PDB file of N, CA and C in Angstrom:
ATOM      1  N   MET A   1     -99.500 -83.411 -41.853  1.00  0.00           N
ATOM      2  CA  MET A   1     -99.697 -82.216 -42.698  1.00  0.00           C
ATOM      3  C   MET A   1    -101.240 -82.494 -43.574  1.00  0.00           C
ATOM      4  N   SER A   2    -101.985 -81.594 -43.533  1.00  0.00           N
ATOM      5  CA  SER A   2    -103.223 -81.719 -44.181  1.00  0.00           C
ATOM      6  C   SER A   2    -103.135 -81.856 -45.705  1.00  0.00           C
ATOM      7  N   ASN A   3    -104.142 -82.035 -46.281  1.00  0.00           N
ATOM      8  CA  ASN A   3    -104.451 -82.159 -47.823  1.00  0.00           C
ATOM      9  C   ASN A   3    -104.468 -80.781 -48.237  1.00  0.00           C
ATOM     10  N   ALA A   4    -103.818 -80.398 -49.502  1.00  0.00           N
ATOM     11  CA  ALA A   4    -103.794 -79.081 -49.935  1.00  0.00           C
ATOM     12  C   ALA A   4    -105.206 -78.376 -50.167  1.00  0.00           C
ATOM     13  N   TYR A   5    -106.033 -79.356 -50.482  1.00  0.00           N
ATOM     14  CA  TYR A   5    -107.498 -78.646 -50.618  1.00  0.00           C
ATOM     15  C   TYR A   5    -108.160 -78.420 -49.124  1.00  0.00           C
ATOM     16  N   ASP A   6    -107.480 -79.105 -48.196  1.00  0.00           N
ATOM     17  CA  ASP A   6    -108.101 -78.714 -46.865  1.00  0.00           C
ATOM     18  C   ASP A   6    -107.570 -77.219 -46.352  1.00  0.00           C
ATOM     19  N   ILE A   7    -106.375 -76.997 -46.880  1.00  0.00           N
ATOM     20  CA  ILE A   7    -105.816 -75.725 -46.471  1.00  0.00           C
ATOM     21  C   ILE A   7    -106.310 -74.601 -47.297  1.00  0.00           C
ATOM     22  N   ILE A   8    -106.277 -74.694 -48.525  1.00  0.00           N
ATOM     23  CA  ILE A   8    -106.898 -73.576 -49.348  1.00  0.00           C
ATOM     24  C   ILE A   8    -108.369 -73.666 -49.590  1.00  0.00           C
ATOM     25  N   LYS A   9    -109.196 -72.868 -48.706  1.00  0.00           N
ATOM     26  CA  LYS A   9    -110.663 -73.242 -48.879  1.00  0.00           C
ATOM     27  C   LYS A   9    -111.435 -72.477 -50.004  1.00  0.00           C
ATOM     28  N   ARG A  10    -111.242 -71.539 -50.376  1.00  0.00           N
ATOM     29  CA  ARG A  10    -111.803 -70.733 -51.488  1.00  0.00           C
ATOM     30  C   ARG A  10    -111.005 -69.563 -51.798  1.00  0.00           C
ATOM     31  N   PRO A  11    -111.169 -68.972 -53.164  1.00  0.00           N
ATOM     32  CA  PRO A  11    -110.702 -67.582 -53.522  1.00  0.00           C
ATOM     33  C   PRO A  11    -111.543 -66.431 -52.866  1.00  0.00           C
ATOM     34  N   VAL A  12    -110.978 -65.301 -52.731  1.00  0.00           N
ATOM     35  CA  VAL A  12    -111.677 -64.161 -52.159  1.00  0.00           C
ATOM     36  C   VAL A  12    -111.900 -63.358 -53.425  1.00  0.00           C
ATOM     37  N   ILE A  13    -113.190 -63.029 -53.868  1.00  0.00           N
ATOM     38  CA  ILE A  13    -113.429 -62.293 -55.022  1.00  0.00           C
ATOM     39  C   ILE A  13    -113.959 -60.994 -54.585  1.00  0.00           C
ATOM     40  N   THR A  14    -113.192 -59.870 -54.521  1.00  0.00           N
ATOM     41  CA  THR A  14    -113.733 -58.435 -54.130  1.00  0.00           C
ATOM     42  C   THR A  14    -113.133 -57.512 -55.222  1.00  0.00           C
ATOM     43  N   GLU A  15    -113.416 -56.385 -55.278  1.00  0.00           N
ATOM     44  CA  GLU A  15    -112.964 -55.372 -56.259  1.00  0.00           C
ATOM     45  C   GLU A  15    -111.308 -55.129 -55.830  1.00  0.00           C
ATOM     46  N   GLN A  16    -111.282 -55.158 -54.422  1.00  0.00           N
ATOM     47  CA  GLN A  16    -109.718 -54.699 -54.065  1.00  0.00           C
ATOM     48  C   GLN A  16    -108.889 -55.915 -54.241  1.00  0.00           C
ATOM     49  N   SER A  17    -109.460 -57.299 -54.467  1.00  0.00           N
ATOM     50  CA  SER A  17    -108.452 -58.349 -54.587  1.00  0.00           C
ATOM     51  C   SER A  17    -108.378 -58.448 -55.914  1.00  0.00           C
ATOM     52  N   MET A  18    -109.211 -58.137 -56.865  1.00  0.00           N
ATOM     53  CA  MET A  18    -109.143 -58.260 -58.287  1.00  0.00           C
ATOM     54  C   MET A  18    -108.230 -57.298 -58.904  1.00  0.00           C
ATOM     55  N   GLU A  19    -108.066 -56.041 -58.256  1.00  0.00           N
ATOM     56  CA  GLU A  19    -107.046 -55.046 -58.831  1.00  0.00           C
ATOM     57  C   GLU A  19    -105.656 -55.538 -58.826  1.00  0.00           C
ATOM     58  N   ASN A  20    -105.340 -56.421 -57.897  1.00  0.00           N
ATOM     59  CA  ASN A  20    -103.963 -56.980 -57.588  1.00  0.00           C
ATOM     60  C   ASN A  20    -103.619 -58.248 -58.377  1.00  0.00           C
ATOM     61  N   VAL A  21    -104.685 -58.630 -59.385  1.00  0.00           N
ATOM     62  CA  VAL A  21    -104.260 -59.740 -60.150  1.00  0.00           C
ATOM     63  C   VAL A  21    -103.304 -59.473 -61.194  1.00  0.00           C
ATOM     64  N   ALA A  22    -103.513 -58.266 -61.936  1.00  0.00           N
ATOM     65  CA  ALA A  22    -102.484 -57.831 -62.712  1.00  0.00           C
ATOM     66  C   ALA A  22    -100.927 -57.814 -62.333  1.00  0.00           C
ATOM     67  N   ASP A  23    -100.803 -57.899 -60.931  1.00  0.00           N
ATOM     68  CA  ASP A  23     -99.379 -57.961 -60.262  1.00  0.00           C
ATOM     69  C   ASP A  23     -99.103 -59.194 -59.794  1.00  0.00           C
ATOM     70  N   LYS A  24    -100.046 -60.075 -60.143  1.00  0.00           N
ATOM     71  CA  LYS A  24     -99.829 -61.437 -59.719  1.00  0.00           C
ATOM     72  C   LYS A  24     -99.810 -61.684 -58.216  1.00  0.00           C
ATOM     73  N   LYS A  25    -100.974 -60.910 -57.675  1.00  0.00           N
ATOM     74  CA  LYS A  25    -101.248 -61.155 -56.154  1.00  0.00           C
ATOM     75  C   LYS A  25    -102.559 -61.625 -56.197  1.00  0.00           C
ATOM     76  N   TYR A  26    -102.837 -62.830 -55.361  1.00  0.00           N
ATOM     77  CA  TYR A  26    -104.002 -63.438 -55.197  1.00  0.00           C
ATOM     78  C   TYR A  26    -104.436 -63.615 -53.987  1.00  0.00           C
ATOM     79  N   VAL A  27    -105.771 -63.538 -53.541  1.00  0.00           N
ATOM     80  CA  VAL A  27    -106.108 -63.811 -52.168  1.00  0.00           C
ATOM     81  C   VAL A  27    -107.050 -64.914 -52.003  1.00  0.00           C
ATOM     82  N   PHE A  28    -106.718 -65.743 -51.099  1.00  0.00           N
ATOM     83  CA  PHE A  28    -107.452 -66.928 -50.688  1.00  0.00           C
ATOM     84  C   PHE A  28    -107.960 -66.906 -49.229  1.00  0.00           C
ATOM     85  N   MET A  29    -109.125 -67.614 -48.910  1.00  0.00           N
ATOM     86  CA  MET A  29    -109.515 -67.891 -47.609  1.00  0.00           C
ATOM     87  C   MET A  29    -108.810 -69.368 -47.254  1.00  0.00           C
ATOM     88  N   VAL A  30    -108.050 -69.442 -46.220  1.00  0.00           N
ATOM     89  CA  VAL A  30    -107.393 -70.580 -45.863  1.00  0.00           C
ATOM     90  C   VAL A  30    -107.803 -71.099 -44.373  1.00  0.00           C
ATOM     91  N   ASP A  31    -107.436 -72.160 -44.258  1.00  0.00           N
ATOM     92  CA  ASP A  31    -107.758 -72.889 -42.965  1.00  0.00           C
ATOM     93  C   ASP A  31    -107.123 -72.046 -41.828  1.00  0.00           C
ATOM     94  N   ILE A  32    -107.830 -71.853 -40.560  1.00  0.00           N
ATOM     95  CA  ILE A  32    -107.436 -70.856 -39.600  1.00  0.00           C
ATOM     96  C   ILE A  32    -106.058 -71.123 -38.772  1.00  0.00           C
ATOM     97  N   ASN A  33    -105.779 -72.542 -38.962  1.00  0.00           N
ATOM     98  CA  ASN A  33    -104.556 -72.997 -38.317  1.00  0.00           C
ATOM     99  C   ASN A  33    -103.314 -73.202 -39.283  1.00  0.00           C
ATOM    100  N   ALA A  34    -103.561 -72.850 -40.569  1.00  0.00           N
ATOM    101  CA  ALA A  34    -102.403 -73.021 -41.634  1.00  0.00           C
ATOM    102  C   ALA A  34    -101.387 -72.287 -41.354  1.00  0.00           C
ATOM    103  N   ALA A  35    -100.165 -72.406 -41.606  1.00  0.00           N
ATOM    104  CA  ALA A  35     -99.084 -71.658 -41.364  1.00  0.00           C
ATOM    105  C   ALA A  35     -98.499 -71.187 -42.793  1.00  0.00           C
ATOM    106  N   LYS A  36     -97.639 -70.427 -42.985  1.00  0.00           N
ATOM    107  CA  LYS A  36     -97.286 -69.722 -44.453  1.00  0.00           C
ATOM    108  C   LYS A  36     -96.548 -70.635 -45.144  1.00  0.00           C
ATOM    109  N   PRO A  37     -95.561 -71.498 -44.544  1.00  0.00           N
ATOM    110  CA  PRO A  37     -95.011 -72.617 -45.548  1.00  0.00           C
ATOM    111  C   PRO A  37     -96.213 -73.579 -46.003  1.00  0.00           C
ATOM    112  N   GLU A  38     -97.098 -74.125 -45.138  1.00  0.00           N
ATOM    113  CA  GLU A  38     -98.131 -74.972 -45.628  1.00  0.00           C
ATOM    114  C   GLU A  38     -98.894 -74.261 -46.776  1.00  0.00           C
ATOM    115  N   ILE A  39     -99.357 -73.118 -46.752  1.00  0.00           N
ATOM    116  CA  ILE A  39    -100.113 -72.230 -47.651  1.00  0.00           C
ATOM    117  C   ILE A  39     -99.342 -72.162 -49.054  1.00  0.00           C
ATOM    118  N   LYS A  40     -98.063 -71.860 -48.678  1.00  0.00           N
ATOM    119  CA  LYS A  40     -97.095 -71.753 -50.077  1.00  0.00           C
ATOM    120  C   LYS A  40     -97.199 -73.064 -50.691  1.00  0.00           C
ATOM    121  N   ALA A  41     -96.860 -74.265 -50.024  1.00  0.00           N
ATOM    122  CA  ALA A  41     -96.825 -75.597 -50.812  1.00  0.00           C
ATOM    123  C   ALA A  41     -98.278 -75.903 -51.221  1.00  0.00           C
ATOM    124  N   ALA A  42     -99.388 -75.497 -50.721  1.00  0.00           N
ATOM    125  CA  ALA A  42    -100.460 -75.921 -51.312  1.00  0.00           C
ATOM    126  C   ALA A  42    -100.939 -75.307 -52.280  1.00  0.00           C
ATOM    127  N   VAL A  43    -100.751 -73.913 -52.454  1.00  0.00           N
ATOM    128  CA  VAL A  43    -101.073 -73.289 -53.674  1.00  0.00           C
ATOM    129  C   VAL A  43    -100.035 -73.563 -54.907  1.00  0.00           C
ATOM    130  N   GLU A  44     -98.755 -74.043 -54.556  1.00  0.00           N
ATOM    131  CA  GLU A  44     -97.838 -74.376 -55.603  1.00  0.00           C
ATOM    132  C   GLU A  44     -98.362 -75.652 -56.263  1.00  0.00           C
ATOM    133  N   GLU A  45     -98.941 -76.540 -55.286  1.00  0.00           N
ATOM    134  CA  GLU A  45     -99.427 -77.814 -55.617  1.00  0.00           C
ATOM    135  C   GLU A  45    -100.624 -77.756 -56.374  1.00  0.00           C
ATOM    136  N   ILE A  46    -101.660 -77.156 -55.960  1.00  0.00           N
ATOM    137  CA  ILE A  46    -102.908 -77.034 -56.545  1.00  0.00           C
ATOM    138  C   ILE A  46    -102.975 -76.417 -58.074  1.00  0.00           C
ATOM    139  N   PHE A  47    -102.114 -75.282 -58.107  1.00  0.00           N
ATOM    140  CA  PHE A  47    -102.120 -74.516 -59.440  1.00  0.00           C
ATOM    141  C   PHE A  47    -101.019 -74.370 -60.104  1.00  0.00           C
ATOM    142  N   GLY A  48     -99.947 -75.138 -59.713  1.00  0.00           N
ATOM    143  CA  GLY A  48     -98.791 -75.362 -60.495  1.00  0.00           C
ATOM    144  C   GLY A  48     -98.033 -74.206 -60.827  1.00  0.00           C
ATOM    145  N   VAL A  49     -97.790 -73.248 -59.694  1.00  0.00           N
ATOM    146  CA  VAL A  49     -97.086 -71.916 -59.885  1.00  0.00           C
ATOM    147  C   VAL A  49     -95.950 -71.809 -58.809  1.00  0.00           C
ATOM    148  N   GLN A  50     -95.273 -70.837 -58.913  1.00  0.00           N
ATOM    149  CA  GLN A  50     -94.117 -70.518 -57.952  1.00  0.00           C
ATOM    150  C   GLN A  50     -94.491 -69.290 -57.240  1.00  0.00           C
ATOM    151  N   VAL A  51     -94.634 -69.545 -55.956  1.00  0.00           N
ATOM    152  CA  VAL A  51     -95.119 -68.457 -54.897  1.00  0.00           C
ATOM    153  C   VAL A  51     -93.496 -67.853 -54.455  1.00  0.00           C
ATOM    154  N   GLU A  52     -93.725 -66.642 -54.543  1.00  0.00           N
ATOM    155  CA  GLU A  52     -92.701 -65.617 -53.864  1.00  0.00           C
ATOM    156  C   GLU A  52     -92.866 -65.224 -52.527  1.00  0.00           C
ATOM    157  N   LYS A  53     -93.940 -64.863 -51.988  1.00  0.00           N
ATOM    158  CA  LYS A  53     -94.422 -64.313 -50.592  1.00  0.00           C
ATOM    159  C   LYS A  53     -95.823 -64.764 -50.283  1.00  0.00           C
ATOM    160  N   VAL A  54     -96.082 -65.051 -48.949  1.00  0.00           N
ATOM    161  CA  VAL A  54     -97.256 -65.267 -48.417  1.00  0.00           C
ATOM    162  C   VAL A  54     -97.522 -64.211 -47.194  1.00  0.00           C
ATOM    163  N   THR A  55     -98.612 -63.533 -47.231  1.00  0.00           N
ATOM    164  CA  THR A  55     -98.877 -62.756 -46.159  1.00  0.00           C
ATOM    165  C   THR A  55    -100.277 -63.169 -45.680  1.00  0.00           C
ATOM    166  N   THR A  56    -100.387 -63.348 -44.423  1.00  0.00           N
ATOM    167  CA  THR A  56    -101.724 -63.807 -43.830  1.00  0.00           C
ATOM    168  C   THR A  56    -102.237 -62.739 -42.927  1.00  0.00           C
ATOM    169  N   LEU A  57    -103.677 -62.817 -42.654  1.00  0.00           N
ATOM    170  CA  LEU A  57    -104.334 -61.993 -41.889  1.00  0.00           C
ATOM    171  C   LEU A  57    -105.587 -62.614 -41.283  1.00  0.00           C
ATOM    172  N   ARG A  58    -105.577 -62.624 -39.877  1.00  0.00           N
ATOM    173  CA  ARG A  58    -106.747 -63.225 -39.221  1.00  0.00           C
ATOM    174  C   ARG A  58    -107.930 -62.279 -39.164  1.00  0.00           C
ATOM    175  N   MET A  59    -109.132 -62.747 -39.628  1.00  0.00           N
ATOM    176  CA  MET A  59    -110.121 -61.691 -39.487  1.00  0.00           C
ATOM    177  C   MET A  59    -111.153 -62.288 -38.443  1.00  0.00           C
ATOM    178  N   GLN A  60    -111.520 -61.239 -37.352  1.00  0.00           N
ATOM    179  CA  GLN A  60    -112.516 -61.692 -36.594  1.00  0.00           C
ATOM    180  C   GLN A  60    -113.851 -61.638 -37.008  1.00  0.00           C
ATOM    181  N   GLY A  61    -114.747 -62.809 -36.487  1.00  0.00           N
ATOM    182  CA  GLY A  61    -116.318 -62.533 -36.972  1.00  0.00           C
ATOM    183  C   GLY A  61    -116.992 -61.393 -36.468  1.00  0.00           C
ATOM    184  N   LYS A  62    -117.795 -61.047 -37.431  1.00  0.00           N
ATOM    185  CA  LYS A  62    -118.622 -59.798 -37.224  1.00  0.00           C
ATOM    186  C   LYS A  62    -119.682 -60.174 -36.147  1.00  0.00           C
ATOM    187  N   GLN A  63    -120.135 -59.207 -35.234  1.00  0.00           N
ATOM    188  CA  GLN A  63    -121.451 -59.502 -34.583  1.00  0.00           C
ATOM    189  C   GLN A  63    -122.717 -59.327 -35.371  1.00  0.00           C
ATOM    190  N   LYS A  64    -123.593 -60.105 -35.326  1.00  0.00           N
ATOM    191  CA  LYS A  64    -124.802 -60.145 -36.175  1.00  0.00           C
ATOM    192  C   LYS A  64    -126.109 -60.141 -35.296  1.00  0.00           C
ATOM    193  N   ARG A  65    -126.891 -59.258 -35.559  1.00  0.00           N
ATOM    194  CA  ARG A  65    -128.076 -59.353 -34.849  1.00  0.00           C
ATOM    195  C   ARG A  65    -129.153 -60.743 -35.292  1.00  0.00           C
ATOM    196  N   THR A  66    -129.732 -60.936 -34.315  1.00  0.00           N
ATOM    197  CA  THR A  66    -130.625 -62.084 -34.403  1.00  0.00           C
ATOM    198  C   THR A  66    -132.176 -61.981 -34.014  1.00  0.00           C
ATOM    199  N   GLY A  67    -132.573 -60.776 -34.293  1.00  0.00           N
ATOM    200  CA  GLY A  67    -133.764 -60.317 -33.825  1.00  0.00           C
ATOM    201  C   GLY A  67    -134.026 -60.294 -32.017  1.00  0.00           C
ATOM    202  N   ALA A  68    -134.993 -60.895 -31.641  1.00  0.00           N
ATOM    203  CA  ALA A  68    -134.991 -60.593 -30.143  1.00  0.00           C
ATOM    204  C   ALA A  68    -133.773 -61.408 -29.539  1.00  0.00           C
ATOM    205  N   TYR A  69    -133.186 -62.300 -29.943  1.00  0.00           N
ATOM    206  CA  TYR A  69    -132.246 -63.130 -29.251  1.00  0.00           C
ATOM    207  C   TYR A  69    -131.088 -62.355 -29.006  1.00  0.00           C
ATOM    208  N   PRO A  70    -130.198 -62.863 -28.160  1.00  0.00           N
ATOM    209  CA  PRO A  70    -128.848 -62.320 -28.005  1.00  0.00           C
ATOM    210  C   PRO A  70    -128.112 -62.075 -29.459  1.00  0.00           C
ATOM    211  N   MET A  71    -126.999 -61.120 -29.074  1.00  0.00           N
ATOM    212  CA  MET A  71    -126.180 -61.062 -30.408  1.00  0.00           C
ATOM    213  C   MET A  71    -125.588 -62.313 -30.931  1.00  0.00           C
ATOM    214  N   GLY A  72    -125.297 -62.673 -31.930  1.00  0.00           N
ATOM    215  CA  GLY A  72    -124.581 -63.742 -32.449  1.00  0.00           C
ATOM    216  C   GLY A  72    -123.328 -63.313 -33.083  1.00  0.00           C
ATOM    217  N   ARG A  73    -122.559 -64.247 -33.640  1.00  0.00           N
ATOM    218  CA  ARG A  73    -121.281 -63.844 -34.065  1.00  0.00           C
ATOM    219  C   ARG A  73    -121.034 -64.782 -35.428  1.00  0.00           C
ATOM    220  N   ARG A  74    -120.567 -64.175 -36.519  1.00  0.00           N
ATOM    221  CA  ARG A  74    -120.020 -65.007 -37.508  1.00  0.00           C
ATOM    222  C   ARG A  74    -118.778 -65.489 -37.251  1.00  0.00           C
ATOM    223  N   PRO A  75    -118.306 -66.609 -37.972  1.00  0.00           N
ATOM    224  CA  PRO A  75    -117.146 -67.292 -37.646  1.00  0.00           C
ATOM    225  C   PRO A  75    -115.789 -66.473 -37.954  1.00  0.00           C
ATOM    226  N   ALA A  76    -114.844 -66.589 -37.219  1.00  0.00           N
ATOM    227  CA  ALA A  76    -113.535 -65.930 -37.665  1.00  0.00           C
ATOM    228  C   ALA A  76    -112.877 -66.730 -38.808  1.00  0.00           C
ATOM    229  N   TYR A  77    -112.084 -66.218 -39.397  1.00  0.00           N
ATOM    230  CA  TYR A  77    -111.416 -66.798 -40.780  1.00  0.00           C
ATOM    231  C   TYR A  77    -110.210 -66.246 -41.034  1.00  0.00           C
ATOM    232  N   LYS A  78    -109.368 -66.783 -41.730  1.00  0.00           N
ATOM    233  CA  LYS A  78    -108.063 -66.417 -41.985  1.00  0.00           C
ATOM    234  C   LYS A  78    -107.874 -66.143 -43.603  1.00  0.00           C
ATOM    235  N   LYS A  79    -107.238 -65.161 -43.944  1.00  0.00           N
ATOM    236  CA  LYS A  79    -107.001 -64.795 -45.437  1.00  0.00           C
ATOM    237  C   LYS A  79    -105.503 -64.865 -45.727  1.00  0.00           C
ATOM    238  N   ALA A  80    -105.195 -65.181 -46.771  1.00  0.00           N
ATOM    239  CA  ALA A  80    -103.669 -65.322 -47.203  1.00  0.00           C
ATOM    240  C   ALA A  80    -103.541 -64.681 -48.610  1.00  0.00           C
ATOM    241  N   MET A  81    -102.831 -63.629 -48.673  1.00  0.00           N
ATOM    242  CA  MET A  81    -102.411 -62.861 -50.016  1.00  0.00           C
ATOM    243  C   MET A  81    -100.918 -63.555 -50.540  1.00  0.00           C
ATOM    244  N   VAL A  82    -101.390 -64.049 -51.691  1.00  0.00           N
ATOM    245  CA  VAL A  82    -100.144 -65.069 -52.260  1.00  0.00           C
ATOM    246  C   VAL A  82     -99.681 -64.089 -53.429  1.00  0.00           C
ATOM    247  N   LYS A  83     -98.284 -63.656 -53.453  1.00  0.00           N
ATOM    248  CA  LYS A  83     -97.485 -63.168 -54.473  1.00  0.00           C
ATOM    249  C   LYS A  83     -96.680 -64.222 -55.279  1.00  0.00           C
ATOM    250  N   LEU A  84     -96.857 -64.270 -56.586  1.00  0.00           N
ATOM    251  CA  LEU A  84     -96.150 -65.159 -57.431  1.00  0.00           C
ATOM    252  C   LEU A  84     -94.835 -64.603 -57.765  1.00  0.00           C
ATOM    253  N   THR A  85     -93.900 -65.389 -58.177  1.00  0.00           N
ATOM    254  CA  THR A  85     -92.701 -64.828 -58.885  1.00  0.00           C
ATOM    255  C   THR A  85     -92.964 -64.255 -60.267  1.00  0.00           C
ATOM    256  N   LYS A  86     -91.947 -63.594 -60.769  1.00  0.00           N
ATOM    257  CA  LYS A  86     -92.142 -62.886 -62.108  1.00  0.00           C
ATOM    258  C   LYS A  86     -92.217 -63.769 -63.081  1.00  0.00           C
ATOM    259  N   ASP A  87     -91.396 -64.812 -62.940  1.00  0.00           N
ATOM    260  CA  ASP A  87     -91.332 -65.746 -64.272  1.00  0.00           C
ATOM    261  C   ASP A  87     -92.536 -66.850 -64.088  1.00  0.00           C
ATOM    262  N   SER A  88     -93.107 -66.897 -63.017  1.00  0.00           N
ATOM    263  CA  SER A  88     -94.336 -67.821 -62.992  1.00  0.00           C
ATOM    264  C   SER A  88     -95.478 -67.629 -63.756  1.00  0.00           C
ATOM    265  N   LYS A  89     -96.337 -68.715 -64.271  1.00  0.00           N
ATOM    266  CA  LYS A  89     -97.456 -68.243 -64.975  1.00  0.00           C
ATOM    267  C   LYS A  89     -98.528 -67.877 -64.091  1.00  0.00           C
ATOM    268  N   THR A  90     -99.713 -67.392 -64.630  1.00  0.00           N
ATOM    269  CA  THR A  90    -100.780 -66.771 -63.715  1.00  0.00           C
ATOM    270  C   THR A  90    -101.835 -67.951 -63.526  1.00  0.00           C
ATOM    271  N   ILE A  91    -102.515 -67.596 -62.370  1.00  0.00           N
ATOM    272  CA  ILE A  91    -103.504 -68.701 -61.933  1.00  0.00           C
ATOM    273  C   ILE A  91    -104.717 -68.309 -62.916  1.00  0.00           C
ATOM    274  N   GLU A  92    -105.162 -69.449 -63.775  1.00  0.00           N
ATOM    275  CA  GLU A  92    -106.123 -69.340 -64.771  1.00  0.00           C
ATOM    276  C   GLU A  92    -107.326 -69.166 -64.294  1.00  0.00           C
ATOM    277  N   PHE A  93    -107.638 -69.530 -63.093  1.00  0.00           N
ATOM    278  CA  PHE A  93    -109.123 -69.164 -62.397  1.00  0.00           C
ATOM    279  C   PHE A  93    -109.374 -67.763 -62.351  1.00  0.00           C
ATOM    280  N   PHE A  94    -108.495 -66.994 -62.182  1.00  0.00           N
ATOM    281  CA  PHE A  94    -108.766 -65.638 -62.026  1.00  0.00           C
ATOM    282  C   PHE A  94    -108.854 -64.875 -63.440  1.00  0.00           C
ATOM    283  N   GLU A  95    -108.441 -65.377 -64.529  1.00  0.00           N
ATOM    284  CA  GLU A  95    -108.154 -64.629 -65.773  1.00  0.00           C
ATOM    285  C   GLU A  95    -109.581 -63.936 -66.231  1.00  0.00           C
ATOM    286  N   GLY A  96    -110.513 -64.775 -66.076  1.00  0.00           N
ATOM    287  CA  GLY A  96    -111.931 -64.415 -66.827  1.00  0.00           C
ATOM    288  C   GLY A  96    -112.567 -63.315 -66.010  1.00  0.00           C
ATOM    289  N   MET A  97    -112.102 -63.061 -64.663  1.00  0.00           N
ATOM    290  CA  MET A  97    -112.900 -62.065 -63.856  1.00  0.00           C
ATOM    291  C   MET A  97    -112.310 -60.762 -63.908  1.00  0.00           C
ATOM    292  N   VAL A  98    -111.284 -60.517 -64.413  1.00  0.00           N
ATOM    293  CA  VAL A  98    -110.724 -59.085 -64.366  1.00  0.00           C
ATOM    294  C   VAL A  98    -111.076 -58.209 -65.428  1.00  0.00           C
TER     295      VAL A  98
END
């Protein structure tokens, strides 16, 4: 099993993801090969919270123009939406952004 910091790469900060922070739902970009139990364990270890549910979504890389060269492609990635239990504390990283 990988290190927790290898599984959770970075948080996803968008308007849509910030609307769900009040409901204790957080979005992270994770390793593309990570499974739901690994993501749950990594979030619990890093932030010291209790995770109720993990939902994952694989995003395909978009095509990108590169001038006169053939079309390129951005890399594919995986997002994880993490919902915390009601009695769990919030993740402090997101508190100042709402």
